[in-house]
Every structure is written in structure tokens, then in C-alpha cells.
Amino acid sequence: MIPGYHDHEKFVQAHRQNLLREAEHQRQLAQLSQPDHGVLQRFMAIPALFLGGLRKRLQQQAKYRKQQETHRTAQ
């Protein structure tokens, strides 16, 4: 049997459906491999805030100590 126009159309439609399924599968795989940046940012924000506060307190303590040393040497 020689394939006709109808057979060719069915083949083209089936091929198109396979390509669409494959593209959807690739899209889903890509979503799985990408981290959720919002969660990552929140996760990193907690240590960043802690370290920022610690840095500020250490700087204030160093400033206070320097003032105390300056005050003692002036007496």
C-alpha cells in the first residue's frame, strides 16, 4: 500500500504530539532543577542579618574601648 495524504497527515500530527510532549517534559525538568530564589534569599537573609548586627555591636564596642583609652590617657 502506498501512503497517501491522509496517512501523511496522521503521521505529522502524531509527530507534533510527540514533540509537544517532549517539550513539556523538558520544561518540567528545567523547573525541578532551578532553585526557588525566594526561599534561598530568605534562608540567606537570617545569617546576613545576624552577622550585620554582630558587626555593628563589635564596632560600637571597639569605639567605646577607644574612647575609654583616650579618656584614661587624658587624665
PDB file of N, CA and C in Angstrom:
ATOM      1  N   MET A   1       0.832  -1.181   0.000  1.00  0.00           N
ATOM      2  CA  MET A   1       0.000   0.000   0.000  1.00  0.00           C
ATOM      3  C   MET A   1       0.877   1.244   0.000  1.00  0.00           C
ATOM      4  N   ILE A   2       0.543   2.182  -0.842  1.00  0.00           N
ATOM      5  CA  ILE A   2       1.277   3.438  -0.946  1.00  0.00           C
ATOM      6  C   ILE A   2       0.647   4.438   0.028  1.00  0.00           C
ATOM      7  N   PRO A   3       1.482   5.044   0.898  1.00  0.00           N
ATOM      8  CA  PRO A   3       0.913   6.010   1.846  1.00  0.00           C
ATOM      9  C   PRO A   3       0.351   7.214   1.100  1.00  0.00           C
ATOM     10  N   GLY A   4      -0.823   7.627   1.518  1.00  0.00           N
ATOM     11  CA  GLY A   4      -1.473   8.765   0.888  1.00  0.00           C
ATOM     12  C   GLY A   4      -1.403  10.001   1.773  1.00  0.00           C
ATOM     13  N   TYR A   5      -2.146  11.008   1.352  1.00  0.00           N
ATOM     14  CA  TYR A   5      -2.169  12.287   2.059  1.00  0.00           C
ATOM     15  C   TYR A   5      -2.685  12.106   3.479  1.00  0.00           C
ATOM     16  N   HIS A   6      -3.735  11.298   3.647  1.00  0.00           N
ATOM     17  CA  HIS A   6      -4.335  11.094   4.965  1.00  0.00           C
ATOM     18  C   HIS A   6      -3.332  10.435   5.920  1.00  0.00           C
ATOM     19  N   ASP A   7      -2.596   9.453   5.421  1.00  0.00           N
ATOM     20  CA  ASP A   7      -1.586   8.788   6.250  1.00  0.00           C
ATOM     21  C   ASP A   7      -0.478   9.764   6.656  1.00  0.00           C
ATOM     22  N   HIS A   8      -0.091  10.602   5.699  1.00  0.00           N
ATOM     23  CA  HIS A   8       0.950  11.595   5.979  1.00  0.00           C
ATOM     24  C   HIS A   8       0.469  12.581   7.046  1.00  0.00           C
ATOM     25  N   GLU A   9      -0.781  13.030   6.961  1.00  0.00           N
ATOM     26  CA  GLU A   9      -1.355  13.953   7.956  1.00  0.00           C
ATOM     27  C   GLU A   9      -1.362  13.319   9.340  1.00  0.00           C
ATOM     28  N   LYS A  10      -1.756  12.044   9.426  1.00  0.00           N
ATOM     29  CA  LYS A  10      -1.772  11.349  10.713  1.00  0.00           C
ATOM     30  C   LYS A  10      -0.357  11.254  11.288  1.00  0.00           C
ATOM     31  N   PHE A  11       0.605  10.969  10.421  1.00  0.00           N
ATOM     32  CA  PHE A  11       1.991  10.889  10.864  1.00  0.00           C
ATOM     33  C   PHE A  11       2.480  12.243  11.380  1.00  0.00           C
ATOM     34  N   VAL A  12       2.166  13.307  10.663  1.00  0.00           N
ATOM     35  CA  VAL A  12       2.582  14.658  11.057  1.00  0.00           C
ATOM     36  C   VAL A  12       1.955  15.030  12.398  1.00  0.00           C
ATOM     37  N   GLN A  13       0.674  14.730  12.582  1.00  0.00           N
ATOM     38  CA  GLN A  13       0.002  15.043  13.845  1.00  0.00           C
ATOM     39  C   GLN A  13       0.607  14.248  15.003  1.00  0.00           C
ATOM     40  N   ALA A  14       0.880  12.981  14.778  1.00  0.00           N
ATOM     41  CA  ALA A  14       1.479  12.153  15.827  1.00  0.00           C
ATOM     42  C   ALA A  14       2.878  12.665  16.186  1.00  0.00           C
ATOM     43  N   HIS A  15       3.628  13.048  15.168  1.00  0.00           N
ATOM     44  CA  HIS A  15       4.971  13.581  15.397  1.00  0.00           C
ATOM     45  C   HIS A  15       4.903  14.891  16.187  1.00  0.00           C
ATOM     46  N   ARG A  16       3.948  15.733  15.821  1.00  0.00           N
ATOM     47  CA  ARG A  16       3.767  17.014  16.530  1.00  0.00           C
ATOM     48  C   ARG A  16       3.416  16.770  17.997  1.00  0.00           C
ATOM     49  N   GLN A  17       2.526  15.818  18.263  1.00  0.00           N
ATOM     50  CA  GLN A  17       2.156  15.496  19.644  1.00  0.00           C
ATOM     51  C   GLN A  17       3.367  14.983  20.434  1.00  0.00           C
ATOM     52  N   ASN A  18       4.178  14.164  19.791  1.00  0.00           N
ATOM     53  CA  ASN A  18       5.392  13.679  20.460  1.00  0.00           C
ATOM     54  C   ASN A  18       6.341  14.828  20.796  1.00  0.00           C
ATOM     55  N   LEU A  19       6.497  15.753  19.865  1.00  0.00           N
ATOM     56  CA  LEU A  19       7.363  16.906  20.118  1.00  0.00           C
ATOM     57  C   LEU A  19       6.820  17.769  21.253  1.00  0.00           C
ATOM     58  N   LEU A  20       5.504  17.979  21.280  1.00  0.00           N
ATOM     59  CA  LEU A  20       4.896  18.766  22.356  1.00  0.00           C
ATOM     60  C   LEU A  20       5.076  18.079  23.711  1.00  0.00           C
ATOM     61  N   ARG A  21       4.885  16.764  23.751  1.00  0.00           N
ATOM     62  CA  ARG A  21       5.085  16.018  24.997  1.00  0.00           C
ATOM     63  C   ARG A  21       6.534  16.124  25.472  1.00  0.00           C
ATOM     64  N   GLU A  22       7.448  15.993  24.535  1.00  0.00           N
ATOM     65  CA  GLU A  22       8.862  16.087  24.884  1.00  0.00           C
ATOM     66  C   GLU A  22       9.213  17.490  25.388  1.00  0.00           C
ATOM     67  N   ALA A  23       8.681  18.509  24.744  1.00  0.00           N
ATOM     68  CA  ALA A  23       8.937  19.886  25.179  1.00  0.00           C
ATOM     69  C   ALA A  23       8.376  20.130  26.577  1.00  0.00           C
ATOM     70  N   GLU A  24       7.183  19.629  26.842  1.00  0.00           N
ATOM     71  CA  GLU A  24       6.581  19.781  28.171  1.00  0.00           C
ATOM     72  C   GLU A  24       7.419  19.052  29.220  1.00  0.00           C
ATOM     73  N   HIS A  25       7.891  17.882  28.876  1.00  0.00           N
ATOM     74  CA  HIS A  25       8.737  17.124  29.795  1.00  0.00           C
ATOM     75  C   HIS A  25      10.032  17.892  30.091  1.00  0.00           C
ATOM     76  N   GLN A  26      10.639  18.455  29.073  1.00  0.00           N
ATOM     77  CA  GLN A  26      11.864  19.237  29.261  1.00  0.00           C
ATOM     78  C   GLN A  26      11.602  20.468  30.127  1.00  0.00           C
ATOM     79  N   ARG A  27      10.455  21.111  29.922  1.00  0.00           N
ATOM     80  CA  ARG A  27      10.095  22.283  30.726  1.00  0.00           C
ATOM     81  C   ARG A  27       9.949  21.896  32.193  1.00  0.00           C
ATOM     82  N   GLN A  28       9.301  20.770  32.449  1.00  0.00           N
ATOM     83  CA  GLN A  28       9.121  20.312  33.829  1.00  0.00           C
ATOM     84  C   GLN A  28      10.459  19.958  34.474  1.00  0.00           C
ATOM     85  N   LEU A  29      11.338  19.325  33.722  1.00  0.00           N
ATOM     86  CA  LEU A  29      12.664  19.009  34.260  1.00  0.00           C
ATOM     87  C   LEU A  29      13.447  20.275  34.578  1.00  0.00           C
ATOM     88  N   ALA A  30      13.332  21.278  33.728  1.00  0.00           N
ATOM     89  CA  ALA A  30      14.035  22.539  33.965  1.00  0.00           C
ATOM     90  C   ALA A  30      13.523  23.216  35.230  1.00  0.00           C
ATOM     91  N   GLN A  31      12.234  23.136  35.488  1.00  0.00           N
ATOM     92  CA  GLN A  31      11.676  23.735  36.697  1.00  0.00           C
ATOM     93  C   GLN A  31      12.170  23.012  37.939  1.00  0.00           C
ATOM     94  N   LEU A  32      12.342  21.712  37.864  1.00  0.00           N
ATOM     95  CA  LEU A  32      12.822  20.954  39.017  1.00  0.00           C
ATOM     96  C   LEU A  32      14.252  21.321  39.375  1.00  0.00           C
ATOM     97  N   SER A  33      15.072  21.589  38.376  1.00  0.00           N
ATOM     98  CA  SER A  33      16.483  21.846  38.636  1.00  0.00           C
ATOM     99  C   SER A  33      16.753  23.275  39.077  1.00  0.00           C
ATOM    100  N   GLN A  34      15.798  24.191  38.914  1.00  0.00           N
ATOM    101  CA  GLN A  34      16.010  25.574  39.319  1.00  0.00           C
ATOM    102  C   GLN A  34      15.556  25.764  40.758  1.00  0.00           C
ATOM    103  N   PRO A  35      16.443  26.304  41.611  1.00  0.00           N
ATOM    104  CA  PRO A  35      16.035  26.530  42.994  1.00  0.00           C
ATOM    105  C   PRO A  35      15.050  27.685  43.089  1.00  0.00           C
ATOM    106  N   ASP A  36      14.264  27.651  44.129  1.00  0.00           N
ATOM    107  CA  ASP A  36      13.339  28.748  44.388  1.00  0.00           C
ATOM    108  C   ASP A  36      14.147  29.879  45.004  1.00  0.00           C
ATOM    109  N   HIS A  37      14.362  30.942  44.234  1.00  0.00           N
ATOM    110  CA  HIS A  37      15.221  32.027  44.688  1.00  0.00           C
ATOM    111  C   HIS A  37      14.652  32.742  45.903  1.00  0.00           C
ATOM    112  N   GLY A  38      13.331  32.798  46.036  1.00  0.00           N
ATOM    113  CA  GLY A  38      12.721  33.440  47.199  1.00  0.00           C
ATOM    114  C   GLY A  38      13.069  32.708  48.481  1.00  0.00           C
ATOM    115  N   VAL A  39      12.990  31.393  48.446  1.00  0.00           N
ATOM    116  CA  VAL A  39      13.332  30.595  49.625  1.00  0.00           C
ATOM    117  C   VAL A  39      14.815  30.742  49.927  1.00  0.00           C
ATOM    118  N   LEU A  40      15.637  30.706  48.897  1.00  0.00           N
ATOM    119  CA  LEU A  40      17.077  30.835  49.086  1.00  0.00           C
ATOM    120  C   LEU A  40      17.426  32.197  49.678  1.00  0.00           C
ATOM    121  N   GLN A  41      16.792  33.251  49.197  1.00  0.00           N
ATOM    122  CA  GLN A  41      17.070  34.585  49.725  1.00  0.00           C
ATOM    123  C   GLN A  41      16.661  34.692  51.185  1.00  0.00           C
ATOM    124  N   ARG A  42      15.495  34.135  51.541  1.00  0.00           N
ATOM    125  CA  ARG A  42      15.072  34.174  52.946  1.00  0.00           C
ATOM    126  C   ARG A  42      16.020  33.367  53.812  1.00  0.00           C
ATOM    127  N   PHE A  43      16.465  32.229  53.311  1.00  0.00           N
ATOM    128  CA  PHE A  43      17.386  31.379  54.054  1.00  0.00           C
ATOM    129  C   PHE A  43      18.707  32.106  54.313  1.00  0.00           C
ATOM    130  N   MET A  44      19.172  32.857  53.328  1.00  0.00           N
ATOM    131  CA  MET A  44      20.430  33.583  53.477  1.00  0.00           C
ATOM    132  C   MET A  44      20.250  34.888  54.245  1.00  0.00           C
ATOM    133  N   ALA A  45      19.051  35.432  54.298  1.00  0.00           N
ATOM    134  CA  ALA A  45      18.821  36.708  54.974  1.00  0.00           C
ATOM    135  C   ALA A  45      19.010  36.581  56.478  1.00  0.00           C
ATOM    136  N   ILE A  46      18.639  35.458  57.060  1.00  0.00           N
ATOM    137  CA  ILE A  46      18.739  35.293  58.514  1.00  0.00           C
ATOM    138  C   ILE A  46      20.197  35.390  58.980  1.00  0.00           C
ATOM    139  N   PRO A  47      21.128  34.620  58.409  1.00  0.00           N
ATOM    140  CA  PRO A  47      22.527  34.788  58.838  1.00  0.00           C
ATOM    141  C   PRO A  47      23.082  36.170  58.497  1.00  0.00           C
ATOM    142  N   ALA A  48      22.649  36.738  57.382  1.00  0.00           N
ATOM    143  CA  ALA A  48      23.143  38.061  56.999  1.00  0.00           C
ATOM    144  C   ALA A  48      22.712  39.104  58.021  1.00  0.00           C
ATOM    145  N   LEU A  49      21.470  39.037  58.475  1.00  0.00           N
ATOM    146  CA  LEU A  49      21.002  39.976  59.492  1.00  0.00           C
ATOM    147  C   LEU A  49      21.755  39.774  60.804  1.00  0.00           C
ATOM    148  N   PHE A  50      21.954  38.530  61.184  1.00  0.00           N
ATOM    149  CA  PHE A  50      22.691  38.234  62.413  1.00  0.00           C
ATOM    150  C   PHE A  50      24.112  38.784  62.332  1.00  0.00           C
ATOM    151  N   LEU A  51      24.793  38.510  61.218  1.00  0.00           N
ATOM    152  CA  LEU A  51      26.173  38.973  61.070  1.00  0.00           C
ATOM    153  C   LEU A  51      26.249  40.492  60.993  1.00  0.00           C
ATOM    154  N   GLY A  52      25.265  41.107  60.354  1.00  0.00           N
ATOM    155  CA  GLY A  52      25.237  42.572  60.298  1.00  0.00           C
ATOM    156  C   GLY A  52      25.078  43.174  61.682  1.00  0.00           C
ATOM    157  N   GLY A  53      24.195  42.604  62.487  1.00  0.00           N
ATOM    158  CA  GLY A  53      24.011  43.082  63.860  1.00  0.00           C
ATOM    159  C   GLY A  53      25.249  42.856  64.703  1.00  0.00           C
ATOM    160  N   LEU A  54      25.879  41.704  64.543  1.00  0.00           N
ATOM    161  CA  LEU A  54      27.105  41.396  65.279  1.00  0.00           C
ATOM    162  C   LEU A  54      28.208  42.381  64.917  1.00  0.00           C
ATOM    163  N   ARG A  55      28.343  42.669  63.648  1.00  0.00           N
ATOM    164  CA  ARG A  55      29.363  43.623  63.189  1.00  0.00           C
ATOM    165  C   ARG A  55      29.136  44.992  63.810  1.00  0.00           C
ATOM    166  N   LYS A  56      27.879  45.420  63.836  1.00  0.00           N
ATOM    167  CA  LYS A  56      27.554  46.730  64.402  1.00  0.00           C
ATOM    168  C   LYS A  56      27.901  46.773  65.892  1.00  0.00           C
ATOM    169  N   ARG A  57      27.554  45.711  66.625  1.00  0.00           N
ATOM    170  CA  ARG A  57      27.857  45.674  68.062  1.00  0.00           C
ATOM    171  C   ARG A  57      29.364  45.675  68.311  1.00  0.00           C
ATOM    172  N   LEU A  58      30.108  44.916  67.511  1.00  0.00           N
ATOM    173  CA  LEU A  58      31.562  44.882  67.675  1.00  0.00           C
ATOM    174  C   LEU A  58      32.191  46.239  67.373  1.00  0.00           C
ATOM    175  N   GLN A  59      31.675  46.918  66.363  1.00  0.00           N
ATOM    176  CA  GLN A  59      32.192  48.250  66.042  1.00  0.00           C
ATOM    177  C   GLN A  59      31.895  49.230  67.172  1.00  0.00           C
ATOM    178  N   GLN A  60      30.702  49.134  67.754  1.00  0.00           N
ATOM    179  CA  GLN A  60      30.347  50.014  68.864  1.00  0.00           C
ATOM    180  C   GLN A  60      31.237  49.736  70.073  1.00  0.00           C
ATOM    181  N   GLN A  61      31.506  48.462  70.345  1.00  0.00           N
ATOM    182  CA  GLN A  61      32.379  48.114  71.471  1.00  0.00           C
ATOM    183  C   GLN A  61      33.797  48.632  71.245  1.00  0.00           C
ATOM    184  N   ALA A  62      34.289  48.494  70.017  1.00  0.00           N
ATOM    185  CA  ALA A  62      35.632  48.984  69.701  1.00  0.00           C
ATOM    186  C   ALA A  62      35.689  50.498  69.859  1.00  0.00           C
ATOM    187  N   LYS A  63      34.658  51.176  69.417  1.00  0.00           N
ATOM    188  CA  LYS A  63      34.599  52.637  69.552  1.00  0.00           C
ATOM    189  C   LYS A  63      34.570  53.030  71.031  1.00  0.00           C
ATOM    190  N   TYR A  64      33.792  52.322  71.827  1.00  0.00           N
ATOM    191  CA  TYR A  64      33.692  52.605  73.261  1.00  0.00           C
ATOM    192  C   TYR A  64      35.044  52.380  73.946  1.00  0.00           C
ATOM    193  N   ARG A  65      35.724  51.273  73.608  1.00  0.00           N
ATOM    194  CA  ARG A  65      37.039  50.994  74.193  1.00  0.00           C
ATOM    195  C   ARG A  65      38.051  52.077  73.823  1.00  0.00           C
ATOM    196  N   LYS A  66      38.008  52.506  72.567  1.00  0.00           N
ATOM    197  CA  LYS A  66      38.936  53.551  72.126  1.00  0.00           C
ATOM    198  C   LYS A  66      38.668  54.844  72.881  1.00  0.00           C
ATOM    199  N   GLN A  67      37.391  55.174  73.093  1.00  0.00           N
ATOM    200  CA  GLN A  67      37.049  56.377  73.858  1.00  0.00           C
ATOM    201  C   GLN A  67      37.539  56.253  75.298  1.00  0.00           C
ATOM    202  N   GLN A  68      37.406  55.062  75.887  1.00  0.00           N
ATOM    203  CA  GLN A  68      37.863  54.848  77.262  1.00  0.00           C
ATOM    204  C   GLN A  68      39.383  55.007  77.355  1.00  0.00           C
ATOM    205  N   GLU A  69      40.114  54.473  76.377  1.00  0.00           N
ATOM    206  CA  GLU A  69      41.568  54.610  76.376  1.00  0.00           C
ATOM    207  C   GLU A  69      41.966  56.068  76.222  1.00  0.00           C
ATOM    208  N   THR A  70      41.295  56.777  75.347  1.00  0.00           N
ATOM    209  CA  THR A  70      41.583  58.194  75.136  1.00  0.00           C
ATOM    210  C   THR A  70      41.279  58.977  76.410  1.00  0.00           C
ATOM    211  N   HIS A  71      40.199  58.638  77.083  1.00  0.00           N
ATOM    212  CA  HIS A  71      39.795  59.322  78.314  1.00  0.00           C
ATOM    213  C   HIS A  71      40.813  59.055  79.427  1.00  0.00           C
ATOM    214  N   ARG A  72      41.336  57.819  79.523  1.00  0.00           N
ATOM    215  CA  ARG A  72      42.315  57.471  80.559  1.00  0.00           C
ATOM    216  C   ARG A  72      43.648  58.173  80.332  1.00  0.00           C
ATOM    217  N   THR A  73      44.076  58.246  79.083  1.00  0.00           N
ATOM    218  CA  THR A  73      45.364  58.884  78.798  1.00  0.00           C
ATOM    219  C   THR A  73      45.285  60.388  78.997  1.00  0.00           C
ATOM    220  N   ALA A  74      44.102  60.959  78.863  1.00  0.00           N
ATOM    221  CA  ALA A  74      43.940  62.403  79.044  1.00  0.00           C
ATOM    222  C   ALA A  74      43.973  62.775  80.524  1.00  0.00           C
ATOM    223  N   GLN A  75      43.706  61.838  81.412  1.00  0.00           N
ATOM    224  CA  GLN A  75      43.676  62.158  82.854  1.00  0.00           C
ATOM    225  C   GLN A  75      45.023  62.213  83.439  1.00  0.00           C
TER     226      GLN A  75
END
